Amino acid sequence: MAARLTSDMWVSAYLARLRLAAIPAYVLARGDGAAGAVIVKVATLDGQAVAWQRSFDLMADVRVWVVLAKGPEADVDAVLARQRTRDRDLWLIEVEDRAGRSLLDEDGLSG
């Protein structure tokens, strides 16, 4: 059984992958380093955004990224603010990319 990455290690690796692809990203909220959940917001710089959270697909027994919120960036930010008040251990990462790239579908990040 493979060891699970801590949240801070995953975030560090994710930010490094984004830097290599020249995609700007910022840590908006730093959660629990060991086991905090991670939400990735992708802002397309046109007033729109999508927020992704990792979930567990029980049928396939794998982790997957699912859309938490999508639409006007202000609406997505409101959802994220509510999530953060409910879970102080939550990591919030903001990615800024006009094409909407998150890299979350790439090997090592997808699940």
Protein backbone atom coordinates (compact mmCIF):
# COMPACT_ATOMS: atom_id res chain seq x y z
CA MET A 1 0.00 0.00 0.00
CA ALA A 2 1.46 3.37 -1.01
CA ALA A 3 1.96 6.04 1.62
CA ARG A 4 -0.40 9.00 1.34
CA LEU A 5 1.14 12.41 0.74
CA THR A 6 0.52 15.04 3.37
CA SER A 7 -1.52 18.03 2.24
CA ASP A 8 1.41 20.45 2.42
CA MET A 9 3.60 18.12 0.34
CA TRP A 10 0.85 17.74 -2.28
CA VAL A 11 0.30 21.52 -2.43
CA SER A 12 4.05 22.14 -2.79
CA ALA A 13 4.30 19.61 -5.62
CA TYR A 14 1.19 21.04 -7.29
CA LEU A 15 2.52 24.61 -7.16
CA ALA A 16 5.83 23.41 -8.63
CA ARG A 17 4.00 21.69 -11.53
CA LEU A 18 2.04 24.87 -12.21
CA ARG A 19 5.25 26.97 -12.16
CA LEU A 20 6.84 24.61 -14.70
CA ALA A 21 3.82 25.16 -16.97
CA ALA A 22 4.03 28.96 -16.42
CA ILE A 23 0.59 29.01 -14.78
CA PRO A 24 0.32 31.52 -11.91
CA ALA A 25 -1.06 30.12 -8.64
CA TYR A 26 -1.41 31.38 -5.08
CA VAL A 27 -2.16 29.87 -1.70
CA LEU A 28 -5.21 31.81 -0.45
CA ALA A 29 -5.61 29.79 2.74
CA ARG A 30 -3.13 27.44 4.37
CA GLY A 31 -4.87 24.47 5.97
CA ASP A 32 -3.72 21.58 8.11
CA GLY A 33 -0.33 20.43 6.86
CA ALA A 34 -0.96 16.75 7.45
CA ALA A 35 -4.52 16.12 6.37
CA GLY A 36 -6.30 19.33 5.36
CA ALA A 37 -8.65 19.12 2.39
CA VAL A 38 -7.62 21.03 -0.74
CA ILE A 39 -9.82 23.13 -3.01
CA VAL A 40 -8.41 24.51 -6.26
CA LYS A 41 -10.07 27.58 -7.76
CA VAL A 42 -9.31 28.29 -11.42
CA ALA A 43 -9.99 31.89 -12.43
CA THR A 44 -10.09 32.47 -16.19
CA LEU A 45 -9.52 36.23 -15.80
CA ASP A 46 -12.80 37.06 -17.54
CA GLY A 47 -14.95 37.18 -14.41
CA GLN A 48 -15.58 33.41 -14.40
CA ALA A 49 -14.14 30.68 -12.19
CA VAL A 50 -14.50 27.05 -11.23
CA ALA A 51 -13.62 25.49 -7.88
CA TRP A 52 -12.53 21.86 -7.71
CA GLN A 53 -12.47 19.67 -4.61
CA ARG A 54 -11.15 16.17 -4.21
CA SER A 55 -13.74 13.53 -3.51
CA PHE A 56 -13.76 9.76 -3.20
CA ASP A 57 -15.58 7.70 -5.83
CA LEU A 58 -16.76 4.71 -3.81
CA MET A 59 -17.82 2.73 -6.88
CA ALA A 60 -14.37 2.96 -8.49
CA ASP A 61 -12.47 3.11 -5.17
CA VAL A 62 -10.43 6.11 -6.34
CA ARG A 63 -10.04 9.79 -5.56
CA VAL A 64 -11.40 12.19 -8.17
CA TRP A 65 -11.67 15.95 -8.61
CA VAL A 66 -15.26 17.22 -8.73
CA VAL A 67 -16.67 20.69 -9.37
CA LEU A 68 -17.69 22.41 -6.14
CA ALA A 69 -18.77 25.69 -7.76
CA LYS A 70 -18.71 27.20 -11.24
CA GLY A 71 -19.78 30.54 -12.67
CA PRO A 72 -19.18 34.20 -11.89
CA GLU A 73 -16.00 34.52 -9.84
CA ALA A 74 -17.77 36.46 -7.06
CA ASP A 75 -20.27 33.60 -6.64
CA VAL A 76 -17.48 31.01 -6.55
CA ASP A 77 -15.60 33.13 -3.97
CA ALA A 78 -18.75 33.25 -1.79
CA VAL A 79 -18.97 29.44 -1.84
CA LEU A 80 -15.29 29.18 -0.91
CA ALA A 81 -15.70 31.66 1.95
CA ARG A 82 -18.53 29.53 3.37
CA GLN A 83 -16.42 26.37 3.00
CA ARG A 84 -13.53 28.05 4.82
CA THR A 85 -15.74 29.07 7.77
CA ARG A 86 -16.90 25.44 8.07
CA ASP A 87 -13.41 23.94 7.75
CA ARG A 88 -10.48 25.92 9.15
CA ASP A 89 -8.09 23.12 8.05
CA LEU A 90 -8.98 23.70 4.38
CA TRP A 91 -6.34 24.69 1.81
CA LEU A 92 -7.47 27.12 -0.89
CA ILE A 93 -5.32 27.40 -4.00
CA GLU A 94 -6.10 29.96 -6.72
CA VAL A 95 -4.90 29.32 -10.25
CA GLU A 96 -5.09 32.08 -12.86
CA ASP A 97 -5.22 30.88 -16.45
CA ARG A 98 -7.24 32.29 -19.36
CA ALA A 99 -7.53 28.78 -20.86
CA GLY A 100 -8.82 27.34 -17.57
CA ARG A 101 -5.92 24.91 -17.15
CA SER A 102 -5.59 23.37 -13.70
CA LEU A 103 -3.37 20.34 -14.47
CA LEU A 104 -5.55 18.35 -12.05
CA ASP A 105 -6.07 15.70 -14.73
CA GLU A 106 -2.34 14.97 -15.03
CA ASP A 107 -0.59 11.89 -13.59
CA GLY A 108 0.21 12.31 -9.93
CA LEU A 109 -2.38 15.08 -9.47
CA SER A 110 -5.56 13.46 -10.71
CA GLY A 111 -6.36 11.39 -7.67
